[in-house]
Amino acid sequence: MPAILVHGVPETAAIWDPLRSHLDRSDVIALALPGFGRGRPERFGAGKDEYVAWLIAELEKHRDQGPVDIVGHDWGGGFVIRLVSLRPDLVRSWVTDAAGIGHESFEWHELAKVWQAAGAGEEFFARQLTEPVEARAGVFIQFGVGREQAIAIAGAMDQTMADCILPLYRSAIDVGRDWSRGPAYAAHPLHLM
């Protein structure tokens, strides 16, 4: 069964390159979320539930190999939380660094609140996209991302990514309440990082 890696926001699958270089497995797949370093499918609204449906469809492609091992970071971790609550049959083991997103008292960070606000989110990305790639990469480097991956991620930041981030965050204003009322996600052990 493959190991699936799901990146966060605003990132691309390049965030996983250093980890992948240390793994002895040849079946590790770093998925690229729609709109993040790749195109956004036509009629894809980029809401939280659409991303989860997309992730479920990606895992179903590997069903013949058995349940997968999956690791999610940031929003990718949130999608994993929801995935295992809806389709535990697709997952053998899972890890997330965003376990709180499925709790009813979940609170968003300040930047998320900017992205959730009409007008403010658009202004934020209008400014960001005029910054040189090196300046945008500096933020990722401050959070511990290696220079090569930071440049790759910052270089992929474009209007398509911004146009996915805003509806994603706006669909998730009450994500803790919305997702905590769904099926229990205790079918598999929780691994906190």
Protein backbone atom coordinates (compact mmCIF):
# COMPACT_ATOMS: atom_id res chain seq x y z
CA MET A 1 0.00 0.00 0.00
CA PRO A 2 1.32 3.47 -0.83
CA ALA A 3 2.14 6.25 1.57
CA ILE A 4 0.34 9.48 0.70
CA LEU A 5 1.57 12.94 1.75
CA VAL A 6 -0.80 15.92 1.71
CA HIS A 7 0.65 19.43 1.95
CA GLY A 8 -0.76 22.54 3.58
CA VAL A 9 -1.62 26.10 2.58
CA PRO A 10 -0.04 28.15 1.02
CA GLU A 11 2.34 25.39 -0.02
CA THR A 12 2.93 22.87 -2.77
CA ALA A 13 3.94 19.22 -2.77
CA ALA A 14 7.59 20.42 -2.87
CA ILE A 15 7.34 20.80 0.92
CA TRP A 16 7.71 16.99 1.12
CA ASP A 17 10.89 16.67 -1.00
CA PRO A 18 13.36 16.63 1.92
CA LEU A 19 11.34 13.98 3.77
CA ARG A 20 10.95 11.84 0.66
CA SER A 21 14.71 11.89 0.10
CA HIS A 22 15.18 10.12 3.47
CA LEU A 23 12.57 7.41 2.97
CA ASP A 24 13.46 3.93 1.79
CA ARG A 25 10.04 3.44 0.22
CA SER A 26 9.43 3.75 -3.50
CA ASP A 27 5.66 4.05 -3.11
CA VAL A 28 5.50 7.51 -1.50
CA ILE A 29 3.16 9.89 -3.30
CA ALA A 30 3.14 13.62 -2.52
CA LEU A 31 -0.21 14.87 -3.75
CA ALA A 32 -0.58 18.40 -5.11
CA LEU A 33 -3.83 20.02 -4.02
CA PRO A 34 -5.82 21.50 -6.91
CA GLY A 35 -4.70 25.09 -7.46
CA PHE A 36 -1.44 24.71 -5.53
CA GLY A 37 1.38 24.45 -8.04
CA ARG A 38 -1.02 22.92 -10.52
CA GLY A 39 -4.21 23.99 -12.25
CA ARG A 40 -7.61 24.33 -10.71
CA PRO A 41 -10.15 22.01 -12.33
CA GLU A 42 -13.09 23.62 -14.05
CA ARG A 43 -16.08 24.02 -11.70
CA PHE A 44 -13.89 23.25 -8.66
CA GLY A 45 -15.10 25.71 -6.02
CA ALA A 46 -12.13 25.13 -3.66
CA GLY A 47 -14.24 24.78 -0.52
CA LYS A 48 -13.16 22.56 2.37
CA ASP A 49 -15.56 19.76 1.49
CA GLU A 50 -14.55 19.83 -2.19
CA TYR A 51 -10.92 19.31 -1.19
CA VAL A 52 -11.93 16.38 1.01
CA ALA A 53 -13.96 14.87 -1.86
CA TRP A 54 -10.93 15.32 -4.13
CA LEU A 55 -8.70 13.57 -1.54
CA ILE A 56 -11.14 10.68 -1.25
CA ALA A 57 -11.13 10.31 -5.04
CA GLU A 58 -7.31 10.30 -5.07
CA LEU A 59 -7.18 7.53 -2.45
CA GLU A 60 -9.80 5.50 -4.28
CA LYS A 61 -7.37 5.34 -7.22
CA HIS A 62 -5.13 3.19 -4.99
CA ARG A 63 -7.87 1.00 -3.55
CA ASP A 64 -6.62 -2.12 -5.30
CA GLN A 65 -3.39 -1.82 -3.26
CA GLY A 66 -5.24 -1.76 0.05
CA PRO A 67 -5.68 1.01 2.60
CA VAL A 68 -2.99 3.70 2.50
CA ASP A 69 -0.73 5.25 5.09
CA ILE A 70 -1.38 9.00 4.97
CA VAL A 71 0.35 12.04 6.44
CA GLY A 72 -1.22 15.48 6.37
CA HIS A 73 0.38 18.82 7.21
CA ASP A 74 -1.55 22.01 8.01
CA TRP A 75 -4.68 22.05 5.82
CA GLY A 76 -3.58 18.70 4.42
CA GLY A 77 -3.79 17.44 8.00
CA GLY A 78 -7.27 18.90 8.31
CA PHE A 79 -8.32 17.10 5.15
CA VAL A 80 -6.91 13.87 6.61
CA ILE A 81 -8.97 14.38 9.79
CA ARG A 82 -12.12 14.69 7.72
CA LEU A 83 -11.14 11.86 5.39
CA VAL A 84 -10.78 9.35 8.21
CA SER A 85 -14.10 10.47 9.66
CA LEU A 86 -15.87 9.79 6.37
CA ARG A 87 -13.91 6.95 4.75
CA PRO A 88 -11.81 5.04 7.30
CA ASP A 89 -11.85 2.07 4.92
CA LEU A 90 -9.34 3.89 2.70
CA VAL A 91 -6.76 4.38 5.46
CA ARG A 92 -4.47 1.96 7.26
CA SER A 93 -2.69 4.60 9.36
CA TRP A 94 -2.70 8.37 9.54
CA VAL A 95 -0.73 11.24 10.97
CA THR A 96 -1.66 14.91 11.19
CA ASP A 97 -0.26 18.05 12.76
CA ALA A 98 -3.71 19.68 12.59
CA ALA A 99 -5.84 17.47 14.84
CA GLY A 100 -7.59 20.44 16.44
CA ILE A 101 -9.38 21.36 13.23
CA GLY A 102 -11.98 18.69 13.91
CA HIS A 103 -12.78 19.98 17.40
CA GLU A 104 -15.90 22.09 17.92
CA SER A 105 -13.95 24.83 19.76
CA PHE A 106 -11.33 25.23 16.99
CA GLU A 107 -10.21 28.86 16.53
CA TRP A 108 -8.48 30.26 13.44
CA HIS A 109 -5.15 32.14 13.54
CA GLU A 110 -5.09 35.84 12.68
CA LEU A 111 -3.90 35.46 9.08
CA ALA A 112 -6.74 33.01 8.40
CA LYS A 113 -9.17 35.65 9.65
CA VAL A 114 -7.72 38.12 7.14
CA TRP A 115 -8.20 35.59 4.33
CA GLN A 116 -11.76 34.93 5.49
CA ALA A 117 -12.69 38.62 5.33
CA ALA A 118 -14.11 39.82 2.00
CA GLY A 119 -11.83 42.48 0.54
CA ALA A 120 -9.05 42.02 3.09
CA GLY A 121 -8.07 38.61 1.70
CA GLU A 122 -8.01 39.93 -1.86
CA GLU A 123 -5.88 42.91 -0.78
CA PHE A 124 -3.45 40.60 1.05
CA PHE A 125 -2.85 38.48 -2.05
CA ALA A 126 -2.69 41.47 -4.38
CA ARG A 127 0.23 42.73 -2.26
CA GLN A 128 1.85 39.30 -1.88
CA LEU A 129 1.84 38.56 -5.58
CA THR A 130 3.73 41.76 -6.33
CA GLU A 131 6.54 40.74 -3.95
CA PRO A 132 9.63 39.10 -5.46
CA VAL A 133 9.83 35.32 -5.08
CA GLU A 134 12.85 35.71 -2.77
CA ALA A 135 10.83 37.86 -0.35
CA ARG A 136 7.92 35.43 -0.32
CA ALA A 137 10.33 32.52 0.16
CA GLY A 138 11.80 34.26 3.22
CA VAL A 139 8.58 33.67 5.15
CA PHE A 140 8.77 29.92 4.52
CA ILE A 141 12.46 29.87 5.45
CA GLN A 142 11.61 31.55 8.78
CA PHE A 143 9.28 28.63 9.50
CA GLY A 144 12.06 26.10 8.85
CA VAL A 145 11.46 25.24 5.21
CA GLY A 146 14.69 24.63 3.32
CA ARG A 147 15.74 27.31 0.85
CA GLU A 148 15.23 25.16 -2.26
CA GLN A 149 11.70 24.15 -1.25
CA ALA A 150 10.89 27.69 -0.09
CA ILE A 151 11.84 29.11 -3.49
CA ALA A 152 9.81 26.40 -5.27
CA ILE A 153 6.75 27.04 -3.11
CA ALA A 154 7.01 30.84 -3.33
CA GLY A 155 7.49 30.58 -7.09
CA ALA A 156 4.26 28.61 -7.37
CA MET A 157 2.25 31.26 -5.54
CA ASP A 158 0.02 32.81 -8.15
CA GLN A 159 -3.49 34.10 -8.66
CA THR A 160 -4.80 30.54 -9.05
CA MET A 161 -3.47 29.65 -5.60
CA ALA A 162 -4.94 32.84 -4.11
CA ASP A 163 -8.24 32.08 -5.81
CA CYS A 164 -8.24 28.68 -4.05
CA ILE A 165 -7.06 29.86 -0.63
CA LEU A 166 -9.79 32.46 -0.20
CA PRO A 167 -12.80 30.19 -0.84
CA LEU A 168 -11.15 27.41 1.19
CA TYR A 169 -10.79 29.60 4.26
CA ARG A 170 -14.17 31.23 3.75
CA SER A 171 -15.85 27.83 3.57
CA ALA A 172 -14.17 26.92 6.85
CA ILE A 173 -15.06 29.79 9.16
CA ASP A 174 -16.88 27.30 11.41
CA VAL A 175 -14.91 24.19 10.40
CA GLY A 176 -14.59 22.90 13.97
CA ARG A 177 -18.32 23.02 14.47
CA ASP A 178 -19.07 21.72 10.97
CA TRP A 179 -16.68 18.79 11.03
CA SER A 180 -17.05 17.83 14.71
CA ARG A 181 -20.70 16.97 14.06
CA GLY A 182 -19.76 14.39 11.45
CA PRO A 183 -18.95 10.74 12.00
CA ALA A 184 -16.43 9.98 14.73
CA TYR A 185 -12.87 9.71 13.49
CA ALA A 186 -11.68 7.33 16.18
CA ALA A 187 -11.60 4.33 13.86
CA HIS A 188 -7.80 4.65 13.60
CA PRO A 189 -5.25 5.70 16.20
CA LEU A 190 -4.50 9.42 16.38
CA HIS A 191 -0.84 10.33 15.97
CA LEU A 192 -0.01 13.88 16.99
CA MET A 193 3.20 15.49 15.83
